[in-house]
């Protein structure tokens, strides 16, 4: 499936331009129970990254 989506983005320049505005954000968060780190991953618009990182707990 990923191959088909990749092909669709290459054929439509508008979709390719819009896809470049998204980024994958990974934040390490400490678990309150064990004290070890867990990772929260999301894909979001690049303009909302700073707000997300400030509010993730």
PDB file of N, CA and C in Angstrom:
ATOM      1  N   UNK A   1       0.794  -1.193   0.000  1.00  0.00           N
ATOM      2  CA  UNK A   1       0.000   0.000   0.000  1.00  0.00           C
ATOM      3  C   UNK A   1       0.838   1.259   0.000  1.00  0.00           C
ATOM      4  N   UNK A   2       1.908   1.275   0.732  1.00  0.00           N
ATOM      5  CA  UNK A   2       2.737   2.471   0.793  1.00  0.00           C
ATOM      6  C   UNK A   2       3.283   2.821  -0.580  1.00  0.00           C
ATOM      7  N   UNK A   3       3.544   1.808  -1.363  1.00  0.00           N
ATOM      8  CA  UNK A   3       4.072   2.055  -2.698  1.00  0.00           C
ATOM      9  C   UNK A   3       3.040   2.804  -3.547  1.00  0.00           C
ATOM     10  N   UNK A   4       1.774   2.450  -3.438  1.00  0.00           N
ATOM     11  CA  UNK A   4       0.727   3.124  -4.205  1.00  0.00           C
ATOM     12  C   UNK A   4       0.577   4.569  -3.759  1.00  0.00           C
ATOM     13  N   UNK A   5       0.656   4.821  -2.469  1.00  0.00           N
ATOM     14  CA  UNK A   5       0.523   6.189  -1.964  1.00  0.00           C
ATOM     15  C   UNK A   5       1.696   7.044  -2.421  1.00  0.00           C
ATOM     16  N   UNK A   6       2.873   6.471  -2.426  1.00  0.00           N
ATOM     17  CA  UNK A   6       4.055   7.182  -2.874  1.00  0.00           C
ATOM     18  C   UNK A   6       3.912   7.587  -4.335  1.00  0.00           C
ATOM     19  N   UNK A   7       3.401   6.669  -5.134  1.00  0.00           N
ATOM     20  CA  UNK A   7       3.209   6.928  -6.553  1.00  0.00           C
ATOM     21  C   UNK A   7       2.166   8.023  -6.762  1.00  0.00           C
ATOM     22  N   UNK A   8       1.109   8.016  -5.982  1.00  0.00           N
ATOM     23  CA  UNK A   8       0.057   9.027  -6.120  1.00  0.00           C
ATOM     24  C   UNK A   8       0.601  10.416  -5.813  1.00  0.00           C
ATOM     25  N   UNK A   9       1.476  10.534  -4.826  1.00  0.00           N
ATOM     26  CA  UNK A   9       2.045  11.837  -4.479  1.00  0.00           C
ATOM     27  C   UNK A   9       2.952  12.333  -5.598  1.00  0.00           C
ATOM     28  N   UNK A  10       3.714  11.450  -6.218  1.00  0.00           N
ATOM     29  CA  UNK A  10       4.614  11.865  -7.285  1.00  0.00           C
ATOM     30  C   UNK A  10       3.848  12.355  -8.506  1.00  0.00           C
ATOM     31  N   UNK A  11       2.672  11.797  -8.764  1.00  0.00           N
ATOM     32  CA  UNK A  11       1.911  12.178  -9.953  1.00  0.00           C
ATOM     33  C   UNK A  11       1.213  13.519  -9.788  1.00  0.00           C
ATOM     34  N   UNK A  12       0.837  13.876  -8.574  1.00  0.00           N
ATOM     35  CA  UNK A  12       0.113  15.120  -8.341  1.00  0.00           C
ATOM     36  C   UNK A  12       1.023  16.107  -7.609  1.00  0.00           C
ATOM     37  N   UNK A  13       1.478  17.158  -8.261  1.00  0.00           N
ATOM     38  CA  UNK A  13       2.396  18.097  -7.614  1.00  0.00           C
ATOM     39  C   UNK A  13       1.783  18.823  -6.414  1.00  0.00           C
ATOM     40  N   UNK A  14       0.466  19.010  -6.414  1.00  0.00           N
ATOM     41  CA  UNK A  14      -0.173  19.668  -5.274  1.00  0.00           C
ATOM     42  C   UNK A  14      -0.078  18.803  -4.023  1.00  0.00           C
ATOM     43  N   UNK A  15      -0.275  17.501  -4.188  1.00  0.00           N
ATOM     44  CA  UNK A  15      -0.155  16.592  -3.048  1.00  0.00           C
ATOM     45  C   UNK A  15       1.286  16.531  -2.548  1.00  0.00           C
ATOM     46  N   UNK A  16       2.233  16.557  -3.449  1.00  0.00           N
ATOM     47  CA  UNK A  16       3.638  16.515  -3.063  1.00  0.00           C
ATOM     48  C   UNK A  16       4.017  17.758  -2.277  1.00  0.00           C
ATOM     49  N   UNK A  17       3.526  18.910  -2.703  1.00  0.00           N
ATOM     50  CA  UNK A  17       3.822  20.152  -1.988  1.00  0.00           C
ATOM     51  C   UNK A  17       3.188  20.145  -0.606  1.00  0.00           C
ATOM     52  N   UNK A  18       1.984  19.626  -0.486  1.00  0.00           N
ATOM     53  CA  UNK A  18       1.300  19.574   0.809  1.00  0.00           C
ATOM     54  C   UNK A  18       1.968  18.559   1.737  1.00  0.00           C
ATOM     55  N   UNK A  19       2.454  17.468   1.203  1.00  0.00           N
ATOM     56  CA  UNK A  19       3.099  16.424   2.023  1.00  0.00           C
ATOM     57  C   UNK A  19       4.386  16.943   2.657  1.00  0.00           C
ATOM     58  N   UNK A  20       5.040  17.888   2.032  1.00  0.00           N
ATOM     59  CA  UNK A  20       6.278  18.433   2.588  1.00  0.00           C
ATOM     60  C   UNK A  20       6.024  19.304   3.814  1.00  0.00           C
ATOM     61  N   UNK A  21       4.777  19.665   4.065  1.00  0.00           N
ATOM     62  CA  UNK A  21       4.438  20.489   5.225  1.00  0.00           C
ATOM     63  C   UNK A  21       4.227  19.661   6.484  1.00  0.00           C
ATOM     64  N   UNK A  22       4.288  18.346   6.389  1.00  0.00           N
ATOM     65  CA  UNK A  22       4.070  17.471   7.540  1.00  0.00           C
ATOM     66  C   UNK A  22       5.390  16.867   7.991  1.00  0.00           C
ATOM     67  N   UNK A  23       5.488  16.633   9.291  1.00  0.00           N
ATOM     68  CA  UNK A  23       6.700  16.067   9.842  1.00  0.00           C
ATOM     69  C   UNK A  23       6.357  15.065  10.941  1.00  0.00           C
ATOM     70  N   UNK A  24       7.258  14.136  11.192  1.00  0.00           N
ATOM     71  CA  UNK A  24       7.067  13.154  12.250  1.00  0.00           C
ATOM     72  C   UNK A  24       7.784  13.664  13.491  1.00  0.00           C
ATOM     73  N   UNK A  25       7.050  13.742  14.595  1.00  0.00           N
ATOM     74  CA  UNK A  25       7.598  14.262  15.842  1.00  0.00           C
ATOM     75  C   UNK A  25       7.706  13.113  16.832  1.00  0.00           C
ATOM     76  N   UNK A  26       8.892  12.940  17.420  1.00  0.00           N
ATOM     77  CA  UNK A  26       9.117  11.897  18.419  1.00  0.00           C
ATOM     78  C   UNK A  26       9.582  12.582  19.697  1.00  0.00           C
ATOM     79  N   UNK A  27       8.877  12.327  20.787  1.00  0.00           N
ATOM     80  CA  UNK A  27       9.220  12.936  22.075  1.00  0.00           C
ATOM     81  C   UNK A  27       9.424  11.843  23.109  1.00  0.00           C
ATOM     82  N   UNK A  28      10.525  11.909  23.846  1.00  0.00           N
ATOM     83  CA  UNK A  28      10.784  10.968  24.931  1.00  0.00           C
ATOM     84  C   UNK A  28      10.066  11.472  26.178  1.00  0.00           C
ATOM     85  N   UNK A  29       9.262  10.596  26.780  1.00  0.00           N
ATOM     86  CA  UNK A  29       8.483  10.959  27.959  1.00  0.00           C
ATOM     87  C   UNK A  29       8.791   9.948  29.055  1.00  0.00           C
ATOM     88  N   UNK A  30       9.061  10.427  30.243  1.00  0.00           N
ATOM     89  CA  UNK A  30       9.386   9.542  31.360  1.00  0.00           C
ATOM     90  C   UNK A  30       8.113   8.951  31.953  1.00  0.00           C
ATOM     91  N   UNK A  31       8.103   7.635  32.125  1.00  0.00           N
ATOM     92  CA  UNK A  31       6.956   6.926  32.688  1.00  0.00           C
ATOM     93  C   UNK A  31       6.888   7.165  34.194  1.00  0.00           C
ATOM     94  N   UNK A  32       5.738   7.568  34.712  1.00  0.00           N
ATOM     95  CA  UNK A  32       5.640   7.807  36.163  1.00  0.00           C
ATOM     96  C   UNK A  32       5.731   6.518  36.991  1.00  0.00           C
ATOM     97  N   UNK A  33       5.339   5.382  36.432  1.00  0.00           N
ATOM     98  CA  UNK A  33       5.358   4.120  37.177  1.00  0.00           C
ATOM     99  C   UNK A  33       6.770   3.554  37.310  1.00  0.00           C
ATOM    100  N   UNK A  34       7.472   3.419  36.182  1.00  0.00           N
ATOM    101  CA  UNK A  34       8.757   2.736  36.196  1.00  0.00           C
ATOM    102  C   UNK A  34       9.949   3.681  36.147  1.00  0.00           C
ATOM    103  N   UNK A  35       9.752   4.896  35.720  1.00  0.00           N
ATOM    104  CA  UNK A  35      10.859   5.834  35.591  1.00  0.00           C
ATOM    105  C   UNK A  35      11.612   5.701  34.279  1.00  0.00           C
ATOM    106  N   UNK A  36      11.241   4.729  33.465  1.00  0.00           N
ATOM    107  CA  UNK A  36      11.904   4.564  32.174  1.00  0.00           C
ATOM    108  C   UNK A  36      11.253   5.479  31.145  1.00  0.00           C
ATOM    109  N   UNK A  37      11.927   5.642  30.048  1.00  0.00           N
ATOM    110  CA  UNK A  37      11.422   6.515  28.997  1.00  0.00           C
ATOM    111  C   UNK A  37      10.563   5.747  28.005  1.00  0.00           C
ATOM    112  N   UNK A  38       9.507   6.382  27.563  1.00  0.00           N
ATOM    113  CA  UNK A  38       8.691   5.886  26.465  1.00  0.00           C
ATOM    114  C   UNK A  38       8.703   6.970  25.392  1.00  0.00           C
ATOM    115  N   UNK A  39       8.315   6.597  24.206  1.00  0.00           N
ATOM    116  CA  UNK A  39       8.348   7.547  23.104  1.00  0.00           C
ATOM    117  C   UNK A  39       6.950   7.750  22.543  1.00  0.00           C
ATOM    118  N   UNK A  40       6.580   9.001  22.339  1.00  0.00           N
ATOM    119  CA  UNK A  40       5.309   9.341  21.708  1.00  0.00           C
ATOM    120  C   UNK A  40       5.630   9.855  20.311  1.00  0.00           C
ATOM    121  N   UNK A  41       5.011   9.225  19.323  1.00  0.00           N
ATOM    122  CA  UNK A  41       5.247   9.598  17.928  1.00  0.00           C
ATOM    123  C   UNK A  41       3.941  10.088  17.302  1.00  0.00           C
ATOM    124  N   UNK A  42       4.010  11.183  16.603  1.00  0.00           N
ATOM    125  CA  UNK A  42       2.862  11.692  15.859  1.00  0.00           C
ATOM    126  C   UNK A  42       3.354  12.316  14.556  1.00  0.00           C
ATOM    127  N   UNK A  43       2.462  12.385  13.615  1.00  0.00           N
ATOM    128  CA  UNK A  43       2.727  13.080  12.362  1.00  0.00           C
ATOM    129  C   UNK A  43       1.792  14.280  12.340  1.00  0.00           C
ATOM    130  N   UNK A  44       2.371  15.458  12.181  1.00  0.00           N
ATOM    131  CA  UNK A  44       1.566  16.676  12.250  1.00  0.00           C
ATOM    132  C   UNK A  44       2.126  17.749  11.318  1.00  0.00           C
ATOM    133  N   UNK A  45       1.350  18.796  11.172  1.00  0.00           N
ATOM    134  CA  UNK A  45       1.755  19.925  10.344  1.00  0.00           C
ATOM    135  C   UNK A  45       2.925  20.623  11.017  1.00  0.00           C
ATOM    136  N   UNK A  46       3.870  21.084  10.229  1.00  0.00           N
ATOM    137  CA  UNK A  46       5.096  21.645  10.791  1.00  0.00           C
ATOM    138  C   UNK A  46       4.865  22.921  11.606  1.00  0.00           C
ATOM    139  N   UNK A  47       3.759  23.615  11.390  1.00  0.00           N
ATOM    140  CA  UNK A  47       3.474  24.830  12.148  1.00  0.00           C
ATOM    141  C   UNK A  47       3.017  24.546  13.580  1.00  0.00           C
ATOM    142  N   UNK A  48       2.572  23.333  13.863  1.00  0.00           N
ATOM    143  CA  UNK A  48       2.039  22.999  15.182  1.00  0.00           C
ATOM    144  C   UNK A  48       3.027  22.241  16.071  1.00  0.00           C
ATOM    145  N   UNK A  49       4.246  22.055  15.607  1.00  0.00           N
ATOM    146  CA  UNK A  49       5.226  21.237  16.338  1.00  0.00           C
ATOM    147  C   UNK A  49       5.597  21.858  17.682  1.00  0.00           C
ATOM    148  N   UNK A  50       5.886  23.146  17.724  1.00  0.00           N
ATOM    149  CA  UNK A  50       6.306  23.785  18.973  1.00  0.00           C
ATOM    150  C   UNK A  50       5.221  23.701  20.039  1.00  0.00           C
ATOM    151  N   UNK A  51       3.971  23.908  19.658  1.00  0.00           N
ATOM    152  CA  UNK A  51       2.867  23.815  20.617  1.00  0.00           C
ATOM    153  C   UNK A  51       2.742  22.395  21.152  1.00  0.00           C
ATOM    154  N   UNK A  52       2.897  21.414  20.290  1.00  0.00           N
ATOM    155  CA  UNK A  52       2.794  20.019  20.693  1.00  0.00           C
ATOM    156  C   UNK A  52       3.891  19.647  21.689  1.00  0.00           C
ATOM    157  N   UNK A  53       5.119  20.015  21.380  1.00  0.00           N
ATOM    158  CA  UNK A  53       6.232  19.680  22.262  1.00  0.00           C
ATOM    159  C   UNK A  53       6.128  20.369  23.614  1.00  0.00           C
ATOM    160  N   UNK A  54       5.545  21.543  23.653  1.00  0.00           N
ATOM    161  CA  UNK A  54       5.384  22.251  24.918  1.00  0.00           C
ATOM    162  C   UNK A  54       4.306  21.610  25.798  1.00  0.00           C
ATOM    163  N   UNK A  55       3.315  20.948  25.191  1.00  0.00           N
ATOM    164  CA  UNK A  55       2.181  20.435  25.947  1.00  0.00           C
ATOM    165  C   UNK A  55       2.187  18.933  26.180  1.00  0.00           C
ATOM    166  N   UNK A  56       3.094  18.183  25.588  1.00  0.00           N
ATOM    167  CA  UNK A  56       3.115  16.729  25.752  1.00  0.00           C
ATOM    168  C   UNK A  56       3.671  16.388  27.124  1.00  0.00           C
ATOM    169  N   UNK A  57       2.962  15.487  27.810  1.00  0.00           N
ATOM    170  CA  UNK A  57       3.421  15.067  29.148  1.00  0.00           C
ATOM    171  C   UNK A  57       3.538  13.583  29.203  1.00  0.00           C
TER     172      UNK A  57
END
